Protein backbone atom coordinates (compact mmCIF):
# COMPACT_ATOMS: atom_id res chain seq x y z
CA UNK A 1 0.00 0.00 0.00
CA UNK A 2 1.35 3.39 -0.96
CA UNK A 3 1.65 6.12 1.71
CA UNK A 4 -0.54 9.10 0.88
CA UNK A 5 -0.38 12.60 2.40
CA UNK A 6 -4.01 12.31 3.49
CA UNK A 7 -3.75 8.81 4.95
CA UNK A 8 -2.85 8.42 8.62
CA UNK A 9 -3.44 5.98 11.43
CA UNK A 10 -6.69 6.80 13.25
CA UNK A 11 -7.32 3.58 15.19
CA UNK A 12 -5.22 0.72 16.46
CA UNK A 13 -6.49 -2.46 18.11
CA UNK A 14 -3.66 -2.23 20.64
CA UNK A 15 -4.09 1.37 21.83
CA UNK A 16 -7.52 2.41 20.54
CA UNK A 17 -8.24 5.75 18.92
CA UNK A 18 -5.15 7.74 17.94
CA UNK A 19 -5.31 11.45 18.83
CA UNK A 20 -3.10 13.99 17.16
CA UNK A 21 -2.27 17.18 19.06
CA UNK A 22 -4.25 20.14 17.78
CA UNK A 23 -2.21 22.97 16.38
CA UNK A 24 -2.81 26.42 17.81
CA UNK A 25 -3.10 29.07 15.14
CA UNK A 26 -0.80 31.99 15.85
CA UNK A 27 -2.09 35.36 14.75
CA UNK A 28 0.51 37.86 13.59
CA UNK A 29 1.34 40.61 16.08
CA UNK A 30 -0.01 43.99 15.11
CA UNK A 31 1.62 47.39 15.34
CA UNK A 32 -0.58 48.51 18.23
CA UNK A 33 -3.09 50.32 16.03
CA UNK A 34 -6.65 49.07 15.72
CA UNK A 35 -7.96 49.53 12.19
CA UNK A 36 -11.64 49.82 11.28
CA UNK A 37 -12.50 49.12 7.65
CA UNK A 38 -15.82 48.99 5.79
CA UNK A 39 -16.23 46.08 3.40
CA UNK A 40 -19.00 44.92 1.06
CA UNK A 41 -17.19 42.50 -1.27
CA UNK A 42 -18.52 38.96 -1.21
CA UNK A 43 -21.48 39.94 0.98
CA UNK A 44 -24.14 40.59 -1.69
CA UNK A 45 -23.93 44.37 -1.18
CA UNK A 46 -24.37 44.23 2.58
CA UNK A 47 -21.73 46.30 4.36
CA UNK A 48 -19.81 45.23 7.43
CA UNK A 49 -17.13 46.92 9.51
CA UNK A 50 -13.97 44.91 10.07
CA UNK A 51 -12.07 45.66 13.28
CA UNK A 52 -8.53 44.28 13.09
CA UNK A 53 -5.28 44.70 14.99
CA UNK A 54 -6.65 43.98 18.47
CA UNK A 55 -4.02 42.01 20.36
CA UNK A 56 -6.24 39.93 22.69
CA UNK A 57 -6.70 36.21 23.14
CA UNK A 58 -9.80 34.52 21.70
CA UNK A 59 -11.91 34.62 24.88
CA UNK A 60 -11.31 38.34 25.46
CA UNK A 61 -11.82 39.07 21.75
CA UNK A 62 -15.22 37.33 21.84
CA UNK A 63 -16.15 39.28 24.97
CA UNK A 64 -15.15 42.59 23.34
CA UNK A 65 -17.08 41.68 20.17
CA UNK A 66 -20.20 40.90 22.20
CA UNK A 67 -19.94 44.26 23.96
CA UNK A 68 -19.45 46.14 20.69
CA UNK A 69 -22.41 44.36 19.06
CA UNK A 70 -24.60 45.19 22.04
CA UNK A 71 -23.66 48.88 22.07
CA UNK A 72 -24.05 49.18 18.29
CA UNK A 73 -27.38 47.35 18.35
CA UNK A 74 -26.48 44.99 15.53
CA UNK A 75 -25.07 41.56 14.79
CA UNK A 76 -21.59 40.42 13.96
CA UNK A 77 -18.99 37.71 14.38
CA UNK A 78 -15.35 37.01 15.18
CA UNK A 79 -13.46 35.30 12.36
CA UNK A 80 -9.71 34.60 12.45
CA UNK A 81 -9.00 37.33 14.99
CA UNK A 82 -11.02 39.99 13.15
CA UNK A 83 -14.29 41.35 14.56
CA UNK A 84 -17.04 41.81 11.97
CA UNK A 85 -19.85 44.23 12.87
CA UNK A 86 -22.87 44.44 10.56
CA UNK A 87 -23.66 47.81 9.04
CA UNK A 88 -21.65 51.03 8.72
CA UNK A 89 -20.88 51.85 12.36
CA UNK A 90 -17.28 53.06 11.93
CA UNK A 91 -17.65 56.30 13.87
CA UNK A 92 -19.44 54.66 16.80
CA UNK A 93 -16.89 51.83 16.88
CA UNK A 94 -14.05 54.34 16.88
CA UNK A 95 -15.42 56.23 19.88
CA UNK A 96 -16.15 52.99 21.79
CA UNK A 97 -12.67 51.56 21.19
CA UNK A 98 -10.92 54.85 21.98
CA UNK A 99 -12.87 54.90 25.25
CA UNK A 100 -11.32 51.51 26.05
CA UNK A 101 -7.82 52.90 25.49
CA UNK A 102 -7.08 51.59 21.99
CA UNK A 103 -5.35 53.69 19.33
CA UNK A 104 -7.81 53.60 16.41
CA UNK A 105 -7.53 54.46 12.70
CA UNK A 106 -10.24 54.39 10.06
CA UNK A 107 -8.83 52.61 7.01
CA UNK A 108 -10.11 51.87 3.55
CA UNK A 109 -13.04 53.55 1.82
């Protein structure tokens, strides 16, 4: 049998199920500036604000995103270390984040 890149041992009768250690994805370190960008591409014309450059771990990032969504009165998500807030709320997000002590820049169009 030929070894394939996608084939690996998942179960052995001697030891049972084989677990591989999960890799932790490292996000690149930012320059200390939080950037807020408006984006509509790939969203069927619906605009979202992307908040990037926040150097927090995943739990704190989710907590901050929940607080921002609540204060903006809209939905959103956290994807790959970037907070997505639905709608064009750049000015409100800037004031909220500056109140928390972040250095904020509006980027993009």
